[in-house]
Protein backbone atom coordinates (compact mmCIF):
# COMPACT_ATOMS: atom_id res chain seq x y z
CA MET A 1 -8.57 -3.37 10.80
CA THR A 2 -8.96 0.42 10.79
CA LEU A 3 -7.99 2.58 7.83
CA THR A 4 -6.62 6.12 7.67
CA CYS A 5 -6.65 8.10 4.43
CA LEU A 6 -3.73 10.52 4.01
CA ILE A 7 -4.05 13.32 1.46
CA PRO A 8 -0.95 15.48 0.97
CA ALA A 9 -1.92 18.79 -0.65
CA TYR A 10 -0.13 21.82 -2.03
CA ASN A 11 -2.16 24.65 -3.62
CA GLU A 12 -5.12 22.41 -4.51
CA GLN A 13 -8.05 24.68 -3.59
CA ASP A 14 -9.71 24.06 -6.95
CA ARG A 15 -9.46 20.26 -6.93
CA ILE A 16 -9.39 18.93 -3.37
CA THR A 17 -13.15 19.32 -2.78
CA ALA A 18 -13.94 16.60 -5.33
CA VAL A 19 -11.39 14.28 -3.72
CA LEU A 20 -12.82 14.90 -0.25
CA GLN A 21 -16.33 14.18 -1.52
CA ALA A 22 -15.18 10.72 -2.64
CA VAL A 23 -13.22 9.95 0.54
CA LEU A 24 -15.31 11.36 3.38
CA ASP A 25 -18.03 9.08 4.75
CA HIS A 26 -16.68 6.12 2.77
CA PRO A 27 -17.72 3.04 4.78
CA LEU A 28 -14.23 1.51 4.68
CA ILE A 29 -12.38 4.67 5.77
CA ASP A 30 -12.19 5.46 9.48
CA GLU A 31 -10.08 8.62 9.44
CA VAL A 32 -9.17 11.27 6.87
CA LEU A 33 -6.09 13.46 7.35
CA VAL A 34 -5.19 16.24 4.92
CA ILE A 35 -1.62 17.52 5.19
CA ASP A 36 -1.51 21.03 3.73
CA ASP A 37 2.14 21.38 2.78
CA GLY A 38 2.61 25.13 2.97
CA SER A 39 -0.08 26.10 0.47
CA THR A 40 -0.31 29.76 -0.47
CA ASP A 41 -3.91 29.48 -1.68
CA ALA A 42 -7.16 28.58 0.12
CA THR A 43 -6.50 24.83 0.39
CA SER A 44 -6.65 24.87 4.19
CA ALA A 45 -9.84 26.93 4.22
CA VAL A 46 -11.52 24.44 1.89
CA VAL A 47 -10.50 21.50 4.09
CA ARG A 48 -11.73 23.25 7.25
CA ARG A 49 -15.21 23.36 5.76
CA SER A 50 -15.20 19.55 5.64
CA THR A 51 -15.03 16.89 8.35
CA ALA A 52 -11.46 15.91 7.47
CA ARG A 53 -8.73 16.51 10.00
CA LEU A 54 -6.28 19.18 8.82
CA ILE A 55 -2.54 19.29 9.47
CA THR A 56 -0.86 22.49 8.28
CA LEU A 57 2.85 22.71 7.56
CA SER A 58 4.90 25.85 7.00
CA PRO A 59 7.01 26.30 5.00
CA ASN A 60 6.54 23.77 2.20
CA VAL A 61 8.54 20.65 3.05
CA GLY A 62 7.69 18.39 0.11
CA LYS A 63 5.48 15.36 -0.32
CA THR A 64 7.75 12.86 1.46
CA ALA A 65 8.06 14.86 4.68
CA ALA A 66 4.37 15.77 4.56
CA LEU A 67 3.42 12.09 4.38
CA ALA A 68 5.85 11.28 7.20
CA ARG A 69 3.99 13.80 9.38
CA GLY A 70 0.65 12.33 8.41
CA LEU A 71 1.83 8.80 9.12
CA ALA A 72 3.08 9.87 12.55
CA GLU A 73 -0.34 11.29 13.44
CA SER A 74 -2.49 8.58 11.84
CA SER A 75 -4.34 5.99 13.92
CA GLY A 76 -5.26 3.36 11.32
CA ASP A 77 -3.78 -0.09 10.87
CA LEU A 78 -4.01 0.43 7.11
CA ILE A 79 -3.04 3.55 5.20
CA LEU A 80 -4.77 4.80 2.06
CA LEU A 81 -2.68 7.34 0.15
CA VAL A 82 -4.60 9.65 -2.19
CA ASP A 83 -3.30 12.62 -4.17
CA ALA A 84 -5.28 15.84 -3.74
CA ASP A 85 -5.58 16.74 -7.43
CA LEU A 86 -7.42 13.71 -8.83
CA VAL A 87 -10.26 14.25 -11.26
CA GLY A 88 -13.05 11.68 -11.62
CA LEU A 89 -12.41 9.86 -8.33
CA SER A 90 -15.44 8.07 -6.85
CA PRO A 91 -16.12 5.94 -3.76
CA THR A 92 -16.26 2.91 -6.10
CA HIS A 93 -12.65 3.51 -7.16
CA LEU A 94 -11.61 3.69 -3.52
CA THR A 95 -13.42 0.45 -2.65
CA ALA A 96 -11.65 -1.31 -5.51
CA LEU A 97 -8.26 -0.11 -4.22
CA ILE A 98 -8.92 -0.92 -0.56
CA THR A 99 -10.50 -4.37 -0.93
CA PRO A 100 -7.45 -6.43 -2.04
CA VAL A 101 -5.50 -5.42 1.09
CA LEU A 102 -8.45 -5.46 3.49
CA SER A 103 -9.37 -8.97 2.34
CA GLY A 104 -5.79 -10.25 2.66
CA HIS A 105 -5.44 -10.96 -1.06
CA ALA A 106 -2.52 -8.50 -1.36
CA ASP A 107 -0.08 -6.67 0.91
CA ILE A 108 -0.38 -3.45 -1.07
CA SER A 109 -2.60 -2.15 -3.83
CA ILE A 110 -1.50 0.46 -6.38
CA SER A 111 -3.74 2.46 -8.72
CA LEU A 112 -3.35 2.62 -12.48
CA ARG A 113 -5.13 5.80 -13.58
CA ASP A 114 -6.61 6.45 -17.00
CA ASN A 115 -4.00 9.07 -17.90
CA ALA A 116 -0.98 7.21 -16.57
CA PRO A 117 1.72 7.08 -19.28
CA THR A 118 1.00 4.53 -22.00
CA ILE A 119 4.09 2.53 -21.06
CA TRP A 120 2.69 1.96 -17.55
CA HIS A 121 -0.53 0.61 -19.04
CA LEU A 122 1.47 -1.69 -21.31
CA LEU A 123 3.56 -2.89 -18.37
CA GLY A 124 0.50 -3.14 -16.10
CA LEU A 125 2.05 -1.05 -13.32
CA ASP A 126 2.54 2.62 -12.43
CA TYR A 127 5.52 2.36 -10.12
CA ILE A 128 5.23 5.97 -8.92
CA SER A 129 1.46 6.05 -8.47
CA GLY A 130 0.47 8.21 -5.51
CA GLU A 131 -2.62 6.14 -4.71
CA ARG A 132 -1.88 3.08 -2.61
CA VAL A 133 -3.22 1.01 0.28
CA LEU A 134 -0.77 -0.71 2.64
CA GLN A 135 -0.13 -1.79 6.19
CA LYS A 136 1.04 1.15 8.29
CA SER A 137 3.52 -1.17 10.03
CA LEU A 138 5.57 -1.36 6.81
CA LEU A 139 6.50 2.32 7.14
CA THR A 140 6.45 3.12 10.87
CA PRO A 141 10.00 1.84 11.53
CA HIS A 142 11.28 4.22 8.82
CA LEU A 143 9.56 7.51 9.69
CA ASP A 144 12.81 9.24 10.67
CA HIS A 145 14.48 8.11 7.45
CA LEU A 146 11.65 9.56 5.36
CA HIS A 147 12.73 13.04 6.43
CA THR A 148 16.13 12.47 4.80
CA LEU A 149 14.66 11.64 1.38
CA PRO A 150 14.14 14.05 -1.54
CA LYS A 151 10.78 15.81 -1.71
CA PHE A 152 9.47 13.36 -4.32
CA GLY A 153 11.30 10.28 -3.09
CA PHE A 154 8.46 8.67 -1.14
CA GLU A 155 7.06 6.26 -3.74
CA VAL A 156 10.41 4.85 -4.87
CA TYR A 157 11.54 4.41 -1.27
CA LEU A 158 8.29 2.58 -0.54
CA ASN A 159 8.96 0.44 -3.61
CA SER A 160 12.30 -0.57 -2.13
CA LEU A 161 10.56 -1.69 1.06
CA LEU A 162 8.04 -3.69 -0.96
CA ILE A 163 10.85 -5.47 -2.79
CA GLN A 164 12.69 -6.10 0.47
CA HIS A 165 9.58 -7.73 1.97
CA THR A 166 8.53 -9.51 -1.25
CA ALA A 167 5.11 -7.92 -0.88
CA ARG A 168 2.14 -9.12 -2.90
CA ILE A 169 1.01 -6.28 -5.14
CA ALA A 170 -2.49 -5.75 -6.52
CA VAL A 171 -2.63 -3.31 -9.43
CA VAL A 172 -6.09 -1.73 -9.60
CA ARG A 173 -7.12 0.04 -12.79
CA TRP A 174 -9.03 3.26 -12.24
CA PRO A 175 -11.07 4.01 -15.37
CA GLY A 176 -12.16 7.62 -15.57
CA VAL A 177 -9.63 8.91 -13.01
CA ILE A 178 -6.92 11.32 -14.13
CA SER A 179 -4.19 13.33 -12.45
CA PRO A 180 -3.75 16.73 -14.13
CA LEU A 181 -0.35 17.45 -15.66
CA LYS A 182 1.78 19.98 -13.79
CA SER A 183 1.86 22.11 -16.92
CA ARG A 184 -1.94 22.43 -16.80
CA LYS A 185 -1.97 23.28 -13.10
CA TYR A 186 0.94 25.71 -12.93
CA GLY A 187 1.61 26.80 -16.51
CA PHE A 188 3.87 25.25 -19.12
CA TRP A 189 7.34 26.28 -17.96
CA VAL A 190 6.64 25.93 -14.26
CA GLY A 191 5.17 22.50 -14.98
CA VAL A 192 8.20 21.43 -17.00
CA LYS A 193 10.53 22.55 -14.22
CA GLY A 194 8.39 20.64 -11.73
CA ASP A 195 8.57 17.45 -13.80
CA ILE A 196 12.36 17.79 -14.13
CA LYS A 197 12.72 18.26 -10.39
CA MET A 198 10.51 15.24 -9.71
CA LEU A 199 12.57 13.04 -12.04
CA ALA A 200 15.76 14.29 -10.40
CA ASP A 201 14.38 13.40 -6.97
CA LEU A 202 13.42 9.92 -8.17
CA SER A 203 16.94 9.34 -9.48
CA ARG A 204 18.47 10.67 -6.27
CA ALA A 205 16.31 8.34 -4.20
CA ALA A 206 16.93 5.14 -6.16
CA GLY A 207 19.36 5.80 -9.01
CA THR A 208 18.43 5.65 -12.69
CA TRP A 209 19.10 1.94 -13.10
CA GLY A 210 17.61 1.36 -9.69
CA LEU A 211 14.31 2.73 -11.00
CA VAL A 212 14.43 0.31 -13.93
CA ARG A 213 15.15 -2.59 -11.60
CA GLN A 214 12.23 -1.54 -9.40
CA VAL A 215 9.81 -1.73 -12.32
CA VAL A 216 11.04 -5.19 -13.27
CA ARG A 217 10.89 -6.52 -9.72
CA LEU A 218 7.52 -4.99 -8.90
CA ARG A 219 5.91 -6.39 -12.03
CA GLY A 220 6.95 -9.86 -10.93
CA MET A 221 5.34 -9.36 -7.51
CA ARG A 222 1.83 -8.70 -8.83
CA VAL A 223 -1.00 -10.99 -7.76
């Protein structure tokens, strides 16, 4: 089984280097694709200085469409999804996330970061985590549909596919790994607006009660 790592990125020049250092040359990762989703900073220039393959999009199309492009150009049997802004990520964290799927113990693995909301730690699942490992074949029949989803609708749509296929889910805790709040990256008000837009996209993709049902169903599918 070969594995492709997809890293969607938007204005992450200050953070993506640390993520690339953890991902590149990892013995379980065969290909690394960074999808620069219309960044206005030096994200693409930073990636070009590495050995990762760069896909540049213009204008910004949103995370879902960016991942659809990356999936279409990936060659791996397995897909590792990693956000570009993670702090504290190490090759050990990646191995822990990849192993349950590579070994056949689970159909998908989902990270649970240190700074995930407390409720997700109590429930033992972050249902919108951006770090996952799964079979590419789960998504390839749906690439065209991904382009019709809201910008932040990818994870909840993937959740619906997992429920449809009764996938076995491994939740992998990532001690020491955090994802910076939007308010810290972009400023308070811009961050708040970004969070509101993300929540709106999640509701558009699955419906408010649909999101609740996803959490309940996914928790019961953990292995």
